[in-house]
C-alpha atoms as a PDB file:
ATOM      1  CA  MET A   1      -9.436 -12.499  -4.013  1.00  0.00           C
ATOM      2  CA  GLY A   2     -11.501  -9.346  -3.997  1.00  0.00           C
ATOM      3  CA  VAL A   3     -13.504  -7.636  -6.710  1.00  0.00           C
ATOM      4  CA  GLU A   4     -12.513  -8.825 -10.197  1.00  0.00           C
ATOM      5  CA  GLY A   5      -9.475 -10.680  -8.847  1.00  0.00           C
ATOM      6  CA  LYS A   6      -8.054  -7.716  -6.932  1.00  0.00           C
ATOM      7  CA  ILE A   7      -6.740  -7.763  -3.378  1.00  0.00           C
ATOM      8  CA  LEU A   8      -8.282  -5.307  -0.907  1.00  0.00           C
ATOM      9  CA  VAL A   9      -5.736  -3.931   1.578  1.00  0.00           C
ATOM     10  CA  GLU A  10      -5.968  -1.290   4.285  1.00  0.00           C
ATOM     11  CA  VAL A  11      -3.265   1.384   4.131  1.00  0.00           C
ATOM     12  CA  THR A  12      -2.590   3.570   7.182  1.00  0.00           C
ATOM     13  CA  LEU A  13      -0.635   6.815   7.310  1.00  0.00           C
ATOM     14  CA  PRO A  14       1.229   6.709  10.650  1.00  0.00           C
ATOM     15  CA  ALA A  15       1.520  10.515  10.924  1.00  0.00           C
ATOM     16  CA  SER A  16      -2.235  11.102  10.810  1.00  0.00           C
ATOM     17  CA  GLY A  17      -3.741   7.707  11.583  1.00  0.00           C
ATOM     18  CA  ALA A  18      -5.863   8.031   8.434  1.00  0.00           C
ATOM     19  CA  THR A  19      -6.681   4.761   6.705  1.00  0.00           C
ATOM     20  CA  PHE A  20      -7.539   4.036   3.103  1.00  0.00           C
ATOM     21  CA  ASP A  21      -8.933   0.899   1.480  1.00  0.00           C
ATOM     22  CA  VAL A  22      -7.005   0.149  -1.698  1.00  0.00           C
ATOM     23  CA  PHE A  23      -7.457  -2.515  -4.368  1.00  0.00           C
ATOM     24  CA  ILE A  24      -4.246  -4.020  -5.779  1.00  0.00           C
ATOM     25  CA  TYR A  25      -3.858  -6.443  -8.657  1.00  0.00           C
ATOM     26  CA  PRO A  26      -2.220  -9.592  -7.241  1.00  0.00           C
ATOM     27  CA  LEU A  27       0.424  -9.844  -9.967  1.00  0.00           C
ATOM     28  CA  SER A  28       1.339  -6.161 -10.012  1.00  0.00           C
ATOM     29  CA  PRO A  29       4.971  -5.533  -9.100  1.00  0.00           C
ATOM     30  CA  MET A  30       5.220  -3.387  -5.996  1.00  0.00           C
ATOM     31  CA  ASN A  31       7.678  -1.039  -7.735  1.00  0.00           C
ATOM     32  CA  GLU A  32       4.690   0.019  -9.869  1.00  0.00           C
ATOM     33  CA  VAL A  33       2.085  -0.085  -7.086  1.00  0.00           C
ATOM     34  CA  VAL A  34       3.912   2.036  -4.494  1.00  0.00           C
ATOM     35  CA  PRO A  35       4.342   5.203  -6.630  1.00  0.00           C
ATOM     36  CA  LEU A  36       0.735   5.045  -7.852  1.00  0.00           C
ATOM     37  CA  MET A  37      -0.590   4.433  -4.357  1.00  0.00           C
ATOM     38  CA  SER A  38       1.518   7.168  -2.765  1.00  0.00           C
ATOM     39  CA  GLY A  39       0.352   9.674  -5.380  1.00  0.00           C
ATOM     40  CA  ALA A  40      -3.318   8.816  -4.890  1.00  0.00           C
ATOM     41  CA  ILE A  41      -3.058   8.891  -1.097  1.00  0.00           C
ATOM     42  CA  ALA A  42      -1.148  12.188  -1.195  1.00  0.00           C
ATOM     43  CA  ASP A  43      -4.087  13.663  -3.111  1.00  0.00           C
ATOM     44  CA  LEU A  44      -6.651  12.221  -0.680  1.00  0.00           C
ATOM     45  CA  SER A  45      -4.831  12.962   2.585  1.00  0.00           C
ATOM     46  CA  ARG A  46      -5.246  16.750   2.499  1.00  0.00           C
ATOM     47  CA  GLY A  47      -1.581  17.434   3.155  1.00  0.00           C
ATOM     48  CA  TYR A  48      -0.953  14.776   5.827  1.00  0.00           C
ATOM     49  CA  TYR A  49       1.120  12.742   3.394  1.00  0.00           C
ATOM     50  CA  LEU A  50       3.494  14.164   0.823  1.00  0.00           C
ATOM     51  CA  ARG A  51       4.433  11.963  -2.091  1.00  0.00           C
ATOM     52  CA  ASP A  52       8.083  10.992  -2.020  1.00  0.00           C
ATOM     53  CA  GLU A  53      10.242   8.891  -4.327  1.00  0.00           C
ATOM     54  CA  ALA A  54      11.367   6.964  -1.232  1.00  0.00           C
ATOM     55  CA  SER A  55       7.821   5.951  -0.208  1.00  0.00           C
ATOM     56  CA  LEU A  56       7.730   2.566   1.463  1.00  0.00           C
ATOM     57  CA  LEU A  57       4.967   0.083   2.246  1.00  0.00           C
ATOM     58  CA  CYS A  58       5.361  -2.007   5.398  1.00  0.00           C
ATOM     59  CA  PHE A  59       3.224  -4.590   7.139  1.00  0.00           C
ATOM     60  CA  LYS A  60       1.374  -2.858   9.970  1.00  0.00           C
ATOM     61  CA  GLU A  61       1.650  -5.770  12.415  1.00  0.00           C
ATOM     62  CA  ASN A  62       5.446  -6.066  12.383  1.00  0.00           C
ATOM     63  CA  GLY A  63       6.854  -3.137  10.378  1.00  0.00           C
ATOM     64  CA  ALA A  64       8.504  -5.431   7.816  1.00  0.00           C
ATOM     65  CA  PRO A  65       8.905  -3.654   4.477  1.00  0.00           C
ATOM     66  CA  LEU A  66       7.432  -5.105   1.310  1.00  0.00           C
ATOM     67  CA  ASP A  67       9.951  -6.038  -1.373  1.00  0.00           C
ATOM     68  CA  ILE A  68       9.376  -3.677  -4.304  1.00  0.00           C
ATOM     69  CA  ASN A  69      10.905  -6.224  -6.670  1.00  0.00           C
ATOM     70  CA  ARG A  70       8.156  -8.762  -5.938  1.00  0.00           C
ATOM     71  CA  THR A  71       4.451  -8.824  -6.746  1.00  0.00           C
ATOM     72  CA  ALA A  72       1.680  -8.269  -4.231  1.00  0.00           C
ATOM     73  CA  VAL A  73       1.098 -12.024  -3.922  1.00  0.00           C
ATOM     74  CA  GLU A  74       4.815 -12.800  -3.629  1.00  0.00           C
ATOM     75  CA  ASN A  75       4.926 -10.332  -0.729  1.00  0.00           C
ATOM     76  CA  GLY A  76       2.152 -12.290   0.971  1.00  0.00           C
ATOM     77  CA  LEU A  77      -0.609  -9.717   0.508  1.00  0.00           C
ATOM     78  CA  LYS A  78      -4.159 -10.988   0.712  1.00  0.00           C
ATOM     79  CA  ASN A  79      -7.601  -9.503   1.316  1.00  0.00           C
ATOM     80  CA  GLY A  80      -7.571  -7.668   4.608  1.00  0.00           C
ATOM     81  CA  SER A  81      -3.795  -7.145   4.782  1.00  0.00           C
ATOM     82  CA  LYS A  82      -2.939  -4.041   6.804  1.00  0.00           C
ATOM     83  CA  LEU A  83      -0.097  -1.846   5.602  1.00  0.00           C
ATOM     84  CA  LEU A  84       1.676   1.362   6.579  1.00  0.00           C
ATOM     85  CA  LEU A  85       2.708   3.918   3.961  1.00  0.00           C
ATOM     86  CA  ILE A  86       5.794   5.823   5.061  1.00  0.00           C
END
């Protein structure tokens, strides 16, 4: 685990190629994480990403979507996981 029991993941925006390092609590349900993350990244991306209710996190290596009804750990996230935010 990362700092204070958090998981450090890398989130990429496919449209711009911009990447962001994000800490996630391991037991946080993804249906809470995704809206918070998409809002923060929308603010940081300078218009490259617009927050959307249908935002989706996928694994970068294979494009498989994360299950929003599971926690970060249940989705297999660990330090260094690489994700796409679409």
